[in-house]
PDB file of N, CA and C in Angstrom:
ATOM      1  N   MET A   1     -13.175  17.822 -18.136  1.00  0.00           N
ATOM      2  CA  MET A   1     -11.744  17.977 -17.939  1.00  0.00           C
ATOM      3  C   MET A   1     -11.364  17.561 -16.526  1.00  0.00           C
ATOM      4  N   SER A   2     -10.266  16.851 -16.404  1.00  0.00           N
ATOM      5  CA  SER A   2      -9.802  16.375 -15.100  1.00  0.00           C
ATOM      6  C   SER A   2      -9.092  17.471 -14.325  1.00  0.00           C
ATOM      7  N   ALA A   3      -9.205  17.371 -13.015  1.00  0.00           N
ATOM      8  CA  ALA A   3      -8.486  18.271 -12.117  1.00  0.00           C
ATOM      9  C   ALA A   3      -8.046  17.460 -10.908  1.00  0.00           C
ATOM     10  N   PHE A   4      -7.213  18.062 -10.083  1.00  0.00           N
ATOM     11  CA  PHE A   4      -6.670  17.378  -8.917  1.00  0.00           C
ATOM     12  C   PHE A   4      -7.414  17.818  -7.664  1.00  0.00           C
ATOM     13  N   TYR A   5      -7.786  16.835  -6.846  1.00  0.00           N
ATOM     14  CA  TYR A   5      -8.588  17.100  -5.663  1.00  0.00           C
ATOM     15  C   TYR A   5      -8.028  16.379  -4.444  1.00  0.00           C
ATOM     16  N   GLU A   6      -8.277  16.990  -3.298  1.00  0.00           N
ATOM     17  CA  GLU A   6      -8.030  16.350  -2.007  1.00  0.00           C
ATOM     18  C   GLU A   6      -9.406  16.047  -1.434  1.00  0.00           C
ATOM     19  N   THR A   7      -9.631  14.802  -1.064  1.00  0.00           N
ATOM     20  CA  THR A   7     -10.906  14.381  -0.496  1.00  0.00           C
ATOM     21  C   THR A   7     -10.658  13.817   0.889  1.00  0.00           C
ATOM     22  N   LEU A   8     -11.196  14.497   1.893  1.00  0.00           N
ATOM     23  CA  LEU A   8     -11.091  14.054   3.278  1.00  0.00           C
ATOM     24  C   LEU A   8     -12.427  13.472   3.685  1.00  0.00           C
ATOM     25  N   ILE A   9     -12.425  12.251   4.215  1.00  0.00           N
ATOM     26  CA  ILE A   9     -13.650  11.682   4.759  1.00  0.00           C
ATOM     27  C   ILE A   9     -13.432  11.398   6.238  1.00  0.00           C
ATOM     28  N   VAL A  10     -14.463  11.647   7.021  1.00  0.00           N
ATOM     29  CA  VAL A  10     -14.450  11.351   8.452  1.00  0.00           C
ATOM     30  C   VAL A  10     -15.530  10.303   8.684  1.00  0.00           C
ATOM     31  N   ILE A  11     -15.090   9.127   9.084  1.00  0.00           N
ATOM     32  CA  ILE A  11     -15.978   7.986   9.288  1.00  0.00           C
ATOM     33  C   ILE A  11     -16.362   7.914  10.762  1.00  0.00           C
ATOM     34  N   SER A  12     -17.585   7.510  11.027  1.00  0.00           N
ATOM     35  CA  SER A  12     -18.063   7.359  12.395  1.00  0.00           C
ATOM     36  C   SER A  12     -17.149   6.409  13.169  1.00  0.00           C
ATOM     37  N   PRO A  13     -16.803   6.749  14.423  1.00  0.00           N
ATOM     38  CA  PRO A  13     -15.921   5.878  15.207  1.00  0.00           C
ATOM     39  C   PRO A  13     -16.611   4.612  15.705  1.00  0.00           C
ATOM     40  N   THR A  14     -17.914   4.509  15.497  1.00  0.00           N
ATOM     41  CA  THR A  14     -18.652   3.340  15.987  1.00  0.00           C
ATOM     42  C   THR A  14     -18.569   2.146  15.038  1.00  0.00           C
ATOM     43  N   VAL A  15     -17.999   2.338  13.844  1.00  0.00           N
ATOM     44  CA  VAL A  15     -17.899   1.230  12.891  1.00  0.00           C
ATOM     45  C   VAL A  15     -16.772   0.283  13.297  1.00  0.00           C
ATOM     46  N   SER A  16     -16.924  -0.974  12.914  1.00  0.00           N
ATOM     47  CA  SER A  16     -15.876  -1.959  13.193  1.00  0.00           C
ATOM     48  C   SER A  16     -14.716  -1.751  12.228  1.00  0.00           C
ATOM     49  N   GLU A  17     -13.599  -2.386  12.500  1.00  0.00           N
ATOM     50  CA  GLU A  17     -12.419  -2.299  11.624  1.00  0.00           C
ATOM     51  C   GLU A  17     -12.761  -2.819  10.229  1.00  0.00           C
ATOM     52  N   GLU A  18     -13.530  -3.890  10.174  1.00  0.00           N
ATOM     53  CA  GLU A  18     -13.923  -4.474   8.893  1.00  0.00           C
ATOM     54  C   GLU A  18     -14.812  -3.506   8.103  1.00  0.00           C
ATOM     55  N   GLU A  19     -15.775  -2.877   8.779  1.00  0.00           N
ATOM     56  CA  GLU A  19     -16.644  -1.895   8.120  1.00  0.00           C
ATOM     57  C   GLU A  19     -15.838  -0.701   7.622  1.00  0.00           C
ATOM     58  N   LYS A  20     -14.890  -0.242   8.442  1.00  0.00           N
ATOM     59  CA  LYS A  20     -14.037   0.886   8.053  1.00  0.00           C
ATOM     60  C   LYS A  20     -13.289   0.568   6.770  1.00  0.00           C
ATOM     61  N   GLN A  21     -12.716  -0.631   6.691  1.00  0.00           N
ATOM     62  CA  GLN A  21     -11.974  -1.042   5.497  1.00  0.00           C
ATOM     63  C   GLN A  21     -12.887  -1.095   4.274  1.00  0.00           C
ATOM     64  N   LYS A  22     -14.128  -1.583   4.464  1.00  0.00           N
ATOM     65  CA  LYS A  22     -15.086  -1.655   3.360  1.00  0.00           C
ATOM     66  C   LYS A  22     -15.440  -0.256   2.860  1.00  0.00           C
ATOM     67  N   ILE A  23     -15.645   0.687   3.777  1.00  0.00           N
ATOM     68  CA  ILE A  23     -15.992   2.060   3.416  1.00  0.00           C
ATOM     69  C   ILE A  23     -14.853   2.691   2.619  1.00  0.00           C
ATOM     70  N   ILE A  24     -13.631   2.578   3.149  1.00  0.00           N
ATOM     71  CA  ILE A  24     -12.467   3.150   2.468  1.00  0.00           C
ATOM     72  C   ILE A  24     -12.287   2.502   1.099  1.00  0.00           C
ATOM     73  N   TYR A  25     -12.438   1.193   1.041  1.00  0.00           N
ATOM     74  CA  TYR A  25     -12.282   0.480  -0.230  1.00  0.00           C
ATOM     75  C   TYR A  25     -13.334   0.918  -1.247  1.00  0.00           C
ATOM     76  N   SER A  26     -14.565   1.152  -0.790  1.00  0.00           N
ATOM     77  CA  SER A  26     -15.622   1.547  -1.735  1.00  0.00           C
ATOM     78  C   SER A  26     -15.310   2.907  -2.357  1.00  0.00           C
ATOM     79  N   TYR A  27     -14.819   3.868  -1.551  1.00  0.00           N
ATOM     80  CA  TYR A  27     -14.466   5.179  -2.110  1.00  0.00           C
ATOM     81  C   TYR A  27     -13.185   5.107  -2.933  1.00  0.00           C
ATOM     82  N   GLU A  28     -12.266   4.272  -2.515  1.00  0.00           N
ATOM     83  CA  GLU A  28     -11.039   4.075  -3.295  1.00  0.00           C
ATOM     84  C   GLU A  28     -11.384   3.498  -4.669  1.00  0.00           C
ATOM     85  N   SER A  29     -12.269   2.513  -4.710  1.00  0.00           N
ATOM     86  CA  SER A  29     -12.694   1.907  -5.978  1.00  0.00           C
ATOM     87  C   SER A  29     -13.395   2.923  -6.858  1.00  0.00           C
ATOM     88  N   PHE A  30     -14.279   3.724  -6.262  1.00  0.00           N
ATOM     89  CA  PHE A  30     -14.982   4.758  -7.021  1.00  0.00           C
ATOM     90  C   PHE A  30     -13.991   5.733  -7.660  1.00  0.00           C
ATOM     91  N   LEU A  31     -13.038   6.214  -6.855  1.00  0.00           N
ATOM     92  CA  LEU A  31     -12.065   7.188  -7.366  1.00  0.00           C
ATOM     93  C   LEU A  31     -11.178   6.585  -8.448  1.00  0.00           C
ATOM     94  N   ARG A  32     -10.828   5.320  -8.314  1.00  0.00           N
ATOM     95  CA  ARG A  32     -10.017   4.656  -9.346  1.00  0.00           C
ATOM     96  C   ARG A  32     -10.814   4.492 -10.647  1.00  0.00           C
ATOM     97  N   ARG A  33     -12.117   4.216 -10.543  1.00  0.00           N
ATOM     98  CA  ARG A  33     -12.958   4.098 -11.745  1.00  0.00           C
ATOM     99  C   ARG A  33     -13.134   5.449 -12.435  1.00  0.00           C
ATOM    100  N   GLN A  34     -13.201   6.519 -11.642  1.00  0.00           N
ATOM    101  CA  GLN A  34     -13.468   7.846 -12.188  1.00  0.00           C
ATOM    102  C   GLN A  34     -12.203   8.595 -12.604  1.00  0.00           C
ATOM    103  N   GLY A  35     -11.051   8.121 -12.179  1.00  0.00           N
ATOM    104  CA  GLY A  35      -9.796   8.809 -12.496  1.00  0.00           C
ATOM    105  C   GLY A  35      -8.611   8.051 -11.953  1.00  0.00           C
ATOM    106  N   ARG A  36      -7.821   8.729 -11.149  1.00  0.00           N
ATOM    107  CA  ARG A  36      -6.610   8.105 -10.615  1.00  0.00           C
ATOM    108  C   ARG A  36      -6.317   8.630  -9.217  1.00  0.00           C
ATOM    109  N   ILE A  37      -6.013   7.731  -8.292  1.00  0.00           N
ATOM    110  CA  ILE A  37      -5.585   8.125  -6.955  1.00  0.00           C
ATOM    111  C   ILE A  37      -4.074   8.288  -6.993  1.00  0.00           C
ATOM    112  N   ILE A  38      -3.598   9.458  -6.585  1.00  0.00           N
ATOM    113  CA  ILE A  38      -2.167   9.740  -6.580  1.00  0.00           C
ATOM    114  C   ILE A  38      -1.547   9.306  -5.255  1.00  0.00           C
ATOM    115  N   TYR A  39      -2.257   9.581  -4.175  1.00  0.00           N
ATOM    116  CA  TYR A  39      -1.730   9.305  -2.833  1.00  0.00           C
ATOM    117  C   TYR A  39      -2.895   9.255  -1.862  1.00  0.00           C
ATOM    118  N   GLN A  40      -2.755   8.464  -0.816  1.00  0.00           N
ATOM    119  CA  GLN A  40      -3.770   8.462   0.234  1.00  0.00           C
ATOM    120  C   GLN A  40      -3.134   8.287   1.602  1.00  0.00           C
ATOM    121  N   ILE A  41      -3.799   8.859   2.592  1.00  0.00           N
ATOM    122  CA  ILE A  41      -3.289   8.835   3.959  1.00  0.00           C
ATOM    123  C   ILE A  41      -4.408   8.385   4.888  1.00  0.00           C
ATOM    124  N   ASN A  42      -4.113   7.421   5.748  1.00  0.00           N
ATOM    125  CA  ASN A  42      -5.061   7.012   6.779  1.00  0.00           C
ATOM    126  C   ASN A  42      -4.589   7.623   8.093  1.00  0.00           C
ATOM    127  N   TRP A  43      -5.271   8.675   8.544  1.00  0.00           N
ATOM    128  CA  TRP A  43      -4.889   9.329   9.801  1.00  0.00           C
ATOM    129  C   TRP A  43      -5.375   8.555  11.016  1.00  0.00           C
ATOM    130  N   GLY A  44      -6.354   7.708  10.850  1.00  0.00           N
ATOM    131  CA  GLY A  44      -6.879   6.935  11.964  1.00  0.00           C
ATOM    132  C   GLY A  44      -7.865   7.734  12.802  1.00  0.00           C
ATOM    133  N   LYS A  45      -8.055   7.280  14.019  1.00  0.00           N
ATOM    134  CA  LYS A  45      -9.047   7.884  14.921  1.00  0.00           C
ATOM    135  C   LYS A  45      -8.458   9.125  15.588  1.00  0.00           C
ATOM    136  N   LYS A  46      -9.160  10.259  15.433  1.00  0.00           N
ATOM    137  CA  LYS A  46      -8.729  11.544  16.002  1.00  0.00           C
ATOM    138  C   LYS A  46      -9.912  12.207  16.683  1.00  0.00           C
ATOM    139  N   LYS A  47      -9.588  13.065  17.644  1.00  0.00           N
ATOM    140  CA  LYS A  47     -10.629  13.832  18.324  1.00  0.00           C
ATOM    141  C   LYS A  47     -11.155  14.906  17.373  1.00  0.00           C
ATOM    142  N   LEU A  48     -12.472  15.058  17.340  1.00  0.00           N
ATOM    143  CA  LEU A  48     -13.109  16.067  16.503  1.00  0.00           C
ATOM    144  C   LEU A  48     -13.021  17.437  17.168  1.00  0.00           C
ATOM    145  N   ALA A  49     -13.061  18.486  16.375  1.00  0.00           N
ATOM    146  CA  ALA A  49     -13.035  19.854  16.895  1.00  0.00           C
ATOM    147  C   ALA A  49     -14.327  20.167  17.646  1.00  0.00           C
ATOM    148  N   TYR A  50     -15.414  19.531  17.247  1.00  0.00           N
ATOM    149  CA  TYR A  50     -16.708  19.701  17.903  1.00  0.00           C
ATOM    150  C   TYR A  50     -17.493  18.400  17.756  1.00  0.00           C
ATOM    151  N   ILE A  51     -18.513  18.229  18.563  1.00  0.00           N
ATOM    152  CA  ILE A  51     -19.308  17.000  18.549  1.00  0.00           C
ATOM    153  C   ILE A  51     -20.141  16.937  17.270  1.00  0.00           C
ATOM    154  N   ILE A  52     -20.086  15.784  16.612  1.00  0.00           N
ATOM    155  CA  ILE A  52     -20.882  15.539  15.406  1.00  0.00           C
ATOM    156  C   ILE A  52     -21.690  14.274  15.644  1.00  0.00           C
ATOM    157  N   ASN A  53     -23.002  14.379  15.574  1.00  0.00           N
ATOM    158  CA  ASN A  53     -23.892  13.217  15.788  1.00  0.00           C
ATOM    159  C   ASN A  53     -23.548  12.467  17.084  1.00  0.00           C
ATOM    160  N   LYS A  54     -23.295  13.216  18.137  1.00  0.00           N
ATOM    161  CA  LYS A  54     -22.953  12.684  19.471  1.00  0.00           C
ATOM    162  C   LYS A  54     -21.605  11.971  19.508  1.00  0.00           C
ATOM    163  N   ASN A  55     -20.750  12.196  18.514  1.00  0.00           N
ATOM    164  CA  ASN A  55     -19.418  11.587  18.462  1.00  0.00           C
ATOM    165  C   ASN A  55     -18.353  12.612  18.827  1.00  0.00           C
ATOM    166  N   LEU A  56     -17.422  12.215  19.692  1.00  0.00           N
ATOM    167  CA  LEU A  56     -16.280  13.057  20.046  1.00  0.00           C
ATOM    168  C   LEU A  56     -15.078  12.773  19.150  1.00  0.00           C
ATOM    169  N   PHE A  57     -15.096  11.610  18.502  1.00  0.00           N
ATOM    170  CA  PHE A  57     -13.981  11.167  17.662  1.00  0.00           C
ATOM    171  C   PHE A  57     -14.482  10.819  16.262  1.00  0.00           C
ATOM    172  N   GLY A  58     -13.544  10.748  15.325  1.00  0.00           N
ATOM    173  CA  GLY A  58     -13.840  10.323  13.969  1.00  0.00           C
ATOM    174  C   GLY A  58     -12.621   9.635  13.383  1.00  0.00           C
ATOM    175  N   ILE A  59     -12.842   8.820  12.375  1.00  0.00           N
ATOM    176  CA  ILE A  59     -11.752   8.123  11.686  1.00  0.00           C
ATOM    177  C   ILE A  59     -11.495   8.871  10.377  1.00  0.00           C
ATOM    178  N   TYR A  60     -10.300   9.431  10.238  1.00  0.00           N
ATOM    179  CA  TYR A  60      -9.952  10.290   9.109  1.00  0.00           C
ATOM    180  C   TYR A  60      -9.206   9.517   8.025  1.00  0.00           C
ATOM    181  N   HIS A  61      -9.576   9.784   6.770  1.00  0.00           N
ATOM    182  CA  HIS A  61      -8.868   9.208   5.627  1.00  0.00           C
ATOM    183  C   HIS A  61      -8.854  10.250   4.515  1.00  0.00           C
ATOM    184  N   ILE A  62      -7.695  10.435   3.873  1.00  0.00           N
ATOM    185  CA  ILE A  62      -7.537  11.454   2.832  1.00  0.00           C
ATOM    186  C   ILE A  62      -7.086  10.798   1.529  1.00  0.00           C
ATOM    187  N   PHE A  63      -7.734  11.217   0.435  1.00  0.00           N
ATOM    188  CA  PHE A  63      -7.348  10.790  -0.909  1.00  0.00           C
ATOM    189  C   PHE A  63      -6.881  12.012  -1.689  1.00  0.00           C
ATOM    190  N   TYR A  64      -5.774  11.882  -2.419  1.00  0.00           N
ATOM    191  CA  TYR A  64      -5.336  12.885  -3.394  1.00  0.00           C
ATOM    192  C   TYR A  64      -5.525  12.229  -4.753  1.00  0.00           C
ATOM    193  N   CYS A  65      -6.354  12.836  -5.606  1.00  0.00           N
ATOM    194  CA  CYS A  65      -6.697  12.163  -6.847  1.00  0.00           C
ATOM    195  C   CYS A  65      -6.913  13.137  -7.998  1.00  0.00           C
ATOM    196  N   LYS A  66      -6.934  12.583  -9.192  1.00  0.00           N
ATOM    197  CA  LYS A  66      -7.236  13.339 -10.404  1.00  0.00           C
ATOM    198  C   LYS A  66      -8.509  12.740 -10.982  1.00  0.00           C
ATOM    199  N   ILE A  67      -9.590  13.542 -10.976  1.00  0.00           N
ATOM    200  CA  ILE A  67     -10.877  13.065 -11.481  1.00  0.00           C
ATOM    201  C   ILE A  67     -11.602  14.184 -12.232  1.00  0.00           C
ATOM    202  N   LEU A  68     -12.655  13.814 -12.928  1.00  0.00           N
ATOM    203  CA  LEU A  68     -13.474  14.771 -13.656  1.00  0.00           C
ATOM    204  C   LEU A  68     -14.347  15.573 -12.692  1.00  0.00           C
ATOM    205  N   LYS A  69     -14.662  16.805 -13.077  1.00  0.00           N
ATOM    206  CA  LYS A  69     -15.521  17.651 -12.254  1.00  0.00           C
ATOM    207  C   LYS A  69     -16.897  16.995 -12.051  1.00  0.00           C
ATOM    208  N   SER A  70     -17.410  16.360 -13.078  1.00  0.00           N
ATOM    209  CA  SER A  70     -18.710  15.682 -12.967  1.00  0.00           C
ATOM    210  C   SER A  70     -18.645  14.536 -11.961  1.00  0.00           C
ATOM    211  N   SER A  71     -17.486  13.896 -11.851  1.00  0.00           N
ATOM    212  CA  SER A  71     -17.307  12.819 -10.880  1.00  0.00           C
ATOM    213  C   SER A  71     -17.297  13.349  -9.451  1.00  0.00           C
ATOM    214  N   VAL A  72     -16.853  14.598  -9.268  1.00  0.00           N
ATOM    215  CA  VAL A  72     -16.848  15.215  -7.936  1.00  0.00           C
ATOM    216  C   VAL A  72     -18.278  15.357  -7.439  1.00  0.00           C
ATOM    217  N   LYS A  73     -19.178  15.770  -8.316  1.00  0.00           N
ATOM    218  CA  LYS A  73     -20.595  15.910  -7.933  1.00  0.00           C
ATOM    219  C   LYS A  73     -21.183  14.555  -7.539  1.00  0.00           C
ATOM    220  N   THR A  74     -20.842  13.518  -8.277  1.00  0.00           N
ATOM    221  CA  THR A  74     -21.311  12.171  -7.962  1.00  0.00           C
ATOM    222  C   THR A  74     -20.741  11.709  -6.625  1.00  0.00           C
ATOM    223  N   LEU A  75     -19.460  11.999  -6.389  1.00  0.00           N
ATOM    224  CA  LEU A  75     -18.813  11.636  -5.133  1.00  0.00           C
ATOM    225  C   LEU A  75     -19.479  12.352  -3.958  1.00  0.00           C
ATOM    226  N   GLU A  76     -19.767  13.646  -4.115  1.00  0.00           N
ATOM    227  CA  GLU A  76     -20.449  14.395  -3.053  1.00  0.00           C
ATOM    228  C   GLU A  76     -21.798  13.782  -2.722  1.00  0.00           C
ATOM    229  N   LYS A  77     -22.544  13.404  -3.740  1.00  0.00           N
ATOM    230  CA  LYS A  77     -23.850  12.783  -3.529  1.00  0.00           C
ATOM    231  C   LYS A  77     -23.705  11.463  -2.781  1.00  0.00           C
ATOM    232  N   LYS A  78     -22.740  10.674  -3.200  1.00  0.00           N
ATOM    233  CA  LYS A  78     -22.486   9.375  -2.565  1.00  0.00           C
ATOM    234  C   LYS A  78     -22.090   9.561  -1.086  1.00  0.00           C
ATOM    235  N   LEU A  79     -21.224  10.534  -0.807  1.00  0.00           N
ATOM    236  CA  LEU A  79     -20.788  10.796   0.568  1.00  0.00           C
ATOM    237  C   LEU A  79     -21.937  11.321   1.433  1.00  0.00           C
ATOM    238  N   ASN A  80     -22.785  12.177   0.874  1.00  0.00           N
ATOM    239  CA  ASN A  80     -23.937  12.700   1.608  1.00  0.00           C
ATOM    240  C   ASN A  80     -24.922  11.605   1.993  1.00  0.00           C
ATOM    241  N   GLN A  81     -25.035  10.574   1.167  1.00  0.00           N
ATOM    242  CA  GLN A  81     -25.979   9.493   1.422  1.00  0.00           C
ATOM    243  C   GLN A  81     -25.425   8.418   2.354  1.00  0.00           C
ATOM    244  N   ASP A  82     -24.129   8.428   2.589  1.00  0.00           N
ATOM    245  CA  ASP A  82     -23.486   7.417   3.428  1.00  0.00           C
ATOM    246  C   ASP A  82     -23.611   7.807   4.903  1.00  0.00           C
ATOM    247  N   GLU A  83     -24.416   7.067   5.656  1.00  0.00           N
ATOM    248  CA  GLU A  83     -24.647   7.378   7.067  1.00  0.00           C
ATOM    249  C   GLU A  83     -23.419   7.152   7.941  1.00  0.00           C
ATOM    250  N   LYS A  84     -22.482   6.361   7.460  1.00  0.00           N
ATOM    251  CA  LYS A  84     -21.280   6.072   8.248  1.00  0.00           C
ATOM    252  C   LYS A  84     -20.201   7.144   8.064  1.00  0.00           C
ATOM    253  N   VAL A  85     -20.356   7.996   7.071  1.00  0.00           N
ATOM    254  CA  VAL A  85     -19.450   9.133   6.870  1.00  0.00           C
ATOM    255  C   VAL A  85     -20.103  10.337   7.533  1.00  0.00           C
ATOM    256  N   ILE A  86     -19.477  10.829   8.626  1.00  0.00           N
ATOM    257  CA  ILE A  86     -20.101  11.916   9.384  1.00  0.00           C
ATOM    258  C   ILE A  86     -19.721  13.296   8.855  1.00  0.00           C
ATOM    259  N   ARG A  87     -18.615  13.411   8.143  1.00  0.00           N
ATOM    260  CA  ARG A  87     -18.206  14.667   7.502  1.00  0.00           C
ATOM    261  C   ARG A  87     -17.290  14.335   6.336  1.00  0.00           C
ATOM    262  N   PHE A  88     -17.230  15.266   5.376  1.00  0.00           N
ATOM    263  CA  PHE A  88     -16.287  15.131   4.275  1.00  0.00           C
ATOM    264  C   PHE A  88     -15.959  16.511   3.745  1.00  0.00           C
ATOM    265  N   LEU A  89     -14.838  16.597   3.053  1.00  0.00           N
ATOM    266  CA  LEU A  89     -14.406  17.842   2.443  1.00  0.00           C
ATOM    267  C   LEU A  89     -13.669  17.499   1.154  1.00  0.00           C
ATOM    268  N   ILE A  90     -14.088  18.151   0.067  1.00  0.00           N
ATOM    269  CA  ILE A  90     -13.433  17.955  -1.229  1.00  0.00           C
ATOM    270  C   ILE A  90     -12.943  19.321  -1.695  1.00  0.00           C
ATOM    271  N   ILE A  91     -11.628  19.435  -1.907  1.00  0.00           N
ATOM    272  CA  ILE A  91     -11.082  20.707  -2.380  1.00  0.00           C
ATOM    273  C   ILE A  91     -10.211  20.477  -3.612  1.00  0.00           C
ATOM    274  N   LYS A  92     -10.252  21.455  -4.507  1.00  0.00           N
ATOM    275  CA  LYS A  92      -9.412  21.411  -5.707  1.00  0.00           C
ATOM    276  C   LYS A  92      -7.999  21.828  -5.310  1.00  0.00           C
ATOM    277  N   ILE A  93      -7.013  21.118  -5.821  1.00  0.00           N
ATOM    278  CA  ILE A  93      -5.613  21.379  -5.478  1.00  0.00           C
ATOM    279  C   ILE A  93      -4.992  22.289  -6.534  1.00  0.00           C
ATOM    280  N   ASN A  94      -4.325  23.362  -6.080  1.00  0.00           N
ATOM    281  CA  ASN A  94      -3.605  24.248  -6.989  1.00  0.00           C
ATOM    282  C   ASN A  94      -2.094  24.048  -6.803  1.00  0.00           C
ATOM    283  N   ASN A  95      -1.283  24.786  -7.550  1.00  0.00           N
ATOM    284  CA  ASN A  95       0.173  24.619  -7.483  1.00  0.00           C
ATOM    285  C   ASN A  95       0.746  24.915  -6.107  1.00  0.00           C
ATOM    286  N   LYS A  96       0.209  25.914  -5.424  1.00  0.00           N
ATOM    287  CA  LYS A  96       0.689  26.248  -4.078  1.00  0.00           C
ATOM    288  C   LYS A  96       0.460  25.064  -3.126  1.00  0.00           C
ATOM    289  N   ALA A  97      -0.706  24.445  -3.236  1.00  0.00           N
ATOM    290  CA  ALA A  97      -1.006  23.277  -2.411  1.00  0.00           C
ATOM    291  C   ALA A  97      -0.097  22.101  -2.759  1.00  0.00           C
ATOM    292  N   LEU A  98       0.197  21.943  -4.056  1.00  0.00           N
ATOM    293  CA  LEU A  98       1.107  20.868  -4.478  1.00  0.00           C
ATOM    294  C   LEU A  98       2.488  21.036  -3.856  1.00  0.00           C
ATOM    295  N   ASN A  99       2.999  22.269  -3.855  1.00  0.00           N
ATOM    296  CA  ASN A  99       4.311  22.524  -3.252  1.00  0.00           C
ATOM    297  C   ASN A  99       4.301  22.199  -1.768  1.00  0.00           C
ATOM    298  N   TYR A 100       3.245  22.585  -1.075  1.00  0.00           N
ATOM    299  CA  TYR A 100       3.129  22.300   0.355  1.00  0.00           C
ATOM    300  C   TYR A 100       3.087  20.789   0.597  1.00  0.00           C
ATOM    301  N   LEU A 101       2.280  20.076  -0.197  1.00  0.00           N
ATOM    302  CA  LEU A 101       2.177  18.625  -0.034  1.00  0.00           C
ATOM    303  C   LEU A 101       3.505  17.933  -0.282  1.00  0.00           C
ATOM    304  N   GLU A 102       4.218  18.380  -1.302  1.00  0.00           N
ATOM    305  CA  GLU A 102       5.520  17.777  -1.587  1.00  0.00           C
ATOM    306  C   GLU A 102       6.463  17.914  -0.403  1.00  0.00           C
ATOM    307  N   SER A 103       6.429  19.072   0.260  1.00  0.00           N
ATOM    308  CA  SER A 103       7.317  19.264   1.404  1.00  0.00           C
ATOM    309  C   SER A 103       6.877  18.438   2.607  1.00  0.00           C
ATOM    310  N   LYS A 104       5.570  18.254   2.786  1.00  0.00           N
ATOM    311  CA  LYS A 104       5.056  17.504   3.940  1.00  0.00           C
ATOM    312  C   LYS A 104       5.057  16.000   3.708  1.00  0.00           C
ATOM    313  N   VAL A 105       4.651  15.574   2.526  1.00  0.00           N
ATOM    314  CA  VAL A 105       4.501  14.154   2.235  1.00  0.00           C
ATOM    315  C   VAL A 105       5.810  13.540   1.751  1.00  0.00           C
ATOM    316  N   ASN A 106       6.706  14.399   1.271  1.00  0.00           N
ATOM    317  CA  ASN A 106       8.030  13.968   0.829  1.00  0.00           C
ATOM    318  C   ASN A 106       7.983  13.055  -0.397  1.00  0.00           C
ATOM    319  N   ILE A 107       7.047  13.353  -1.309  1.00  0.00           N
ATOM    320  CA  ILE A 107       7.030  12.676  -2.602  1.00  0.00           C
ATOM    321  C   ILE A 107       6.825  13.755  -3.665  1.00  0.00           C
ATOM    322  N   THR A 108       7.120  13.437  -4.893  1.00  0.00           N
ATOM    323  CA  THR A 108       7.010  14.436  -5.948  1.00  0.00           C
ATOM    324  C   THR A 108       5.648  14.324  -6.624  1.00  0.00           C
ATOM    325  N   LEU A 109       4.649  14.922  -6.004  1.00  0.00           N
ATOM    326  CA  LEU A 109       3.300  14.907  -6.548  1.00  0.00           C
ATOM    327  C   LEU A 109       3.204  15.714  -7.837  1.00  0.00           C
ATOM    328  N   LYS A 110       3.870  16.858  -7.885  1.00  0.00           N
ATOM    329  CA  LYS A 110       3.738  17.751  -9.035  1.00  0.00           C
ATOM    330  C   LYS A 110       4.142  17.032 -10.320  1.00  0.00           C
ATOM    331  N   LYS A 111       5.245  16.281 -10.275  1.00  0.00           N
ATOM    332  CA  LYS A 111       5.678  15.556 -11.463  1.00  0.00           C
ATOM    333  C   LYS A 111       4.624  14.532 -11.863  1.00  0.00           C
ATOM    334  N   LYS A 112       4.056  13.818 -10.882  1.00  0.00           N
ATOM    335  CA  LYS A 112       3.021  12.845 -11.178  1.00  0.00           C
ATOM    336  C   LYS A 112       1.797  13.523 -11.792  1.00  0.00           C
ATOM    337  N   PHE A 113       1.430  14.694 -11.261  1.00  0.00           N
ATOM    338  CA  PHE A 113       0.280  15.417 -11.778  1.00  0.00           C
ATOM    339  C   PHE A 113       0.531  15.891 -13.197  1.00  0.00           C
ATOM    340  N   GLN A 114       1.742  16.384 -13.486  1.00  0.00           N
ATOM    341  CA  GLN A 114       2.035  16.924 -14.801  1.00  0.00           C
ATOM    342  C   GLN A 114       2.185  15.845 -15.862  1.00  0.00           C
ATOM    343  N   ASP A 115       2.502  14.633 -15.441  1.00  0.00           N
ATOM    344  CA  ASP A 115       2.668  13.532 -16.394  1.00  0.00           C
ATOM    345  C   ASP A 115       1.349  13.116 -17.014  1.00  0.00           C
ATOM    346  N   GLU A 116       0.245  13.505 -16.396  1.00  0.00           N
ATOM    347  CA  GLU A 116      -1.065  13.025 -16.854  1.00  0.00           C
ATOM    348  C   GLU A 116      -1.748  14.017 -17.731  1.00  0.00           C
TER     349      GLU A 116
END
């Protein structure tokens, strides 16, 4: 059964712009094959809360998507094996989160989610 997830990836700041695009595209392609991407945000390079692998900064990218639970496990495995992804977080989205996102992102995610 499909559910809605927010997937945050933090890419190493040492990658080139071309490598960054390839990494984002590979996860975008995976999520599109496994379900549907509703929205995505590229936050760019931000300072980390703490040092990770000797990095003070990371490149943040967020996907909001609808995928199968089994696909989440595959995505976690793929992210864990990717040396260029220094951190990631996958959370299931509930109605309260949808309302918050609608107010912040200024799009009607809930309607898109319910249509599927």
